[in-house]
Protein backbone atom coordinates (compact mmCIF):
# COMPACT_ATOMS: atom_id res chain seq x y z
CA MET A 1 9.06 -0.37 13.07
CA ARG A 2 10.65 -3.28 11.13
CA PHE A 3 11.35 -2.98 7.44
CA LYS A 4 10.72 -6.13 5.61
CA LYS A 5 12.39 -7.19 2.46
CA GLY A 6 10.34 -5.93 -0.53
CA ASN A 7 8.82 -2.90 1.13
CA ARG A 8 8.56 0.00 -1.34
CA TRP A 9 10.71 2.30 0.75
CA SER A 10 13.55 -0.10 1.57
CA LYS A 11 15.11 0.16 -2.01
CA SER A 12 17.50 2.72 -0.58
CA GLY A 13 18.52 3.84 2.89
CA ARG A 14 17.44 7.32 2.03
CA GLY A 15 13.86 6.24 1.37
CA LYS A 16 13.71 4.30 4.59
CA LEU A 17 15.05 7.33 6.45
CA ARG A 18 12.59 9.77 4.82
CA TYR A 19 9.60 7.41 5.47
CA THR A 20 10.49 6.95 9.29
CA THR A 21 10.92 10.71 9.52
CA TRP A 22 7.50 11.29 7.85
CA ARG A 23 5.91 8.73 10.20
CA ARG A 24 7.48 10.25 13.33
CA MET A 25 6.23 13.65 12.27
CA VAL A 26 2.67 12.47 11.68
CA PHE A 27 2.63 10.94 15.19
CA GLU A 28 4.12 14.08 16.77
CA LEU A 29 1.54 16.25 15.09
CA ASN A 30 -1.20 13.96 16.28
CA LYS A 31 0.25 13.99 19.80
CA ARG A 32 0.25 17.77 19.93
CA LYS A 33 -3.05 18.46 18.30
CA VAL A 34 -5.34 15.60 19.19
CA GLY A 35 -3.74 13.76 22.15
CA LEU A 36 -2.95 16.78 24.23
CA SER A 37 0.81 15.94 24.31
CA LYS A 38 0.40 12.93 26.52
CA TYR A 39 -1.15 10.35 24.17
CA TYR A 40 -1.22 9.35 20.56
CA MET A 41 -4.90 8.95 19.43
CA CYS A 42 -6.84 7.37 16.61
CA VAL A 43 -8.63 9.95 14.71
CA LYS A 44 -11.58 7.61 14.01
CA CYS A 45 -12.30 5.82 17.23
CA ASN A 46 -10.42 8.14 19.69
CA LYS A 47 -8.41 5.15 21.11
CA LYS A 48 -5.60 6.62 23.18
CA ARG A 49 -2.07 5.02 23.48
CA LYS A 50 1.22 6.04 25.00
CA THR A 51 3.19 4.18 22.25
CA THR A 52 2.63 3.87 18.53
CA ARG A 53 2.77 0.04 18.59
CA VAL A 54 -0.91 -0.44 17.63
CA LEU A 55 -1.35 2.76 15.68
CA HIS A 56 -0.50 3.27 11.96
CA ALA A 57 0.32 6.49 10.11
CA HIS A 58 -2.03 6.57 6.95
CA HIS A 59 -1.43 8.74 3.95
CA ILE A 60 -4.32 11.00 3.15
CA PHE A 61 -3.11 11.39 -0.51
CA SER A 62 -1.81 7.93 -1.48
CA TRP A 63 1.77 6.98 -1.78
CA ASN A 64 1.61 5.76 -5.29
CA LYS A 65 -0.61 8.45 -6.94
CA PHE A 66 0.66 11.57 -5.36
CA GLU A 67 4.51 11.35 -5.20
CA SER A 68 4.94 14.98 -4.48
CA LYS A 69 3.01 14.63 -1.19
CA ARG A 70 4.72 11.45 -0.03
CA TYR A 71 6.61 12.94 2.74
CA ASP A 72 4.54 16.02 3.69
CA SER A 73 3.99 15.72 7.43
CA LYS A 74 0.30 17.03 7.04
CA ASN A 75 -0.41 14.26 4.48
CA GLY A 76 -0.97 11.77 7.36
CA VAL A 77 -3.52 10.69 9.93
CA VAL A 78 -3.14 8.28 12.80
CA LEU A 79 -5.39 5.36 12.79
CA CYS A 80 -5.46 2.29 15.09
CA VAL A 81 -4.83 -0.97 13.36
CA LYS A 82 -8.51 -2.00 13.60
CA CYS A 83 -9.80 1.23 11.99
CA HIS A 84 -6.99 1.23 9.42
CA ASN A 85 -7.99 -2.32 8.37
CA LYS A 86 -11.66 -1.46 8.24
CA PHE A 87 -10.94 1.58 6.02
CA HIS A 88 -9.04 -0.53 3.47
CA ARG A 89 -11.67 -3.28 3.61
CA LYS A 90 -14.48 -0.89 2.92
CA TYR A 91 -12.87 1.26 0.16
CA LYS A 92 -10.25 -1.12 -1.25
CA TYR A 93 -8.28 0.44 -4.13
CA GLU A 94 -10.86 3.23 -4.65
CA ALA A 95 -9.16 5.10 -1.86
CA LEU A 96 -6.02 5.44 -3.84
CA ASP A 97 -7.55 7.87 -6.27
CA LYS A 98 -10.14 9.66 -4.00
CA PRO A 99 -8.76 11.15 -0.81
CA ASP A 100 -12.36 12.34 -0.08
CA LEU A 101 -13.21 8.86 1.02
CA LEU A 102 -11.00 9.15 4.02
CA VAL A 103 -13.07 12.29 5.00
CA GLU A 104 -16.29 10.27 4.56
CA TYR A 105 -14.76 7.36 6.68
CA LEU A 106 -13.78 9.83 9.42
CA ASN A 107 -17.20 11.35 9.52
CA GLY A 108 -16.18 14.71 8.04
CA ASN A 109 -12.96 15.33 10.05
CA LYS A 110 -12.42 19.07 9.68
CA ALA A 111 -8.60 19.01 9.72
CA VAL A 112 -8.35 16.27 6.98
CA LYS A 113 -11.04 18.02 4.91
CA SER A 114 -9.27 21.34 4.98
CA TYR A 115 -5.90 19.69 4.01
CA ILE A 116 -7.66 18.01 1.05
CA ARG A 117 -9.29 21.24 -0.15
CA GLU A 118 -5.92 23.14 0.09
CA ASN A 119 -3.98 20.50 -1.95
CA LYS A 120 -6.35 19.57 -4.75
């Protein structure tokens, strides 16, 4: 993953390291739970990939509003680029305040729903 100038986590080397660690942990959890340890898998469309190149780690509780949950490995889901863009096009900035919209978008994903219920 390339870090472009101006990304919110590139202000310090420590932030960049914490973010890449969080992202790697989200993908590894996905691989173990959903992809049966061979593939990474989009939780929306079930697209399977061996690499993370076309997949994104998405925060359940937004980066800006919930600072204490930023680097919690369970605060992430794996979405393919297409599903990730559709989600943000559909809900725009509303999704920053309402993590329940992600559950709605994922058609009631039980794992995401339980994480949100535990952390409200």
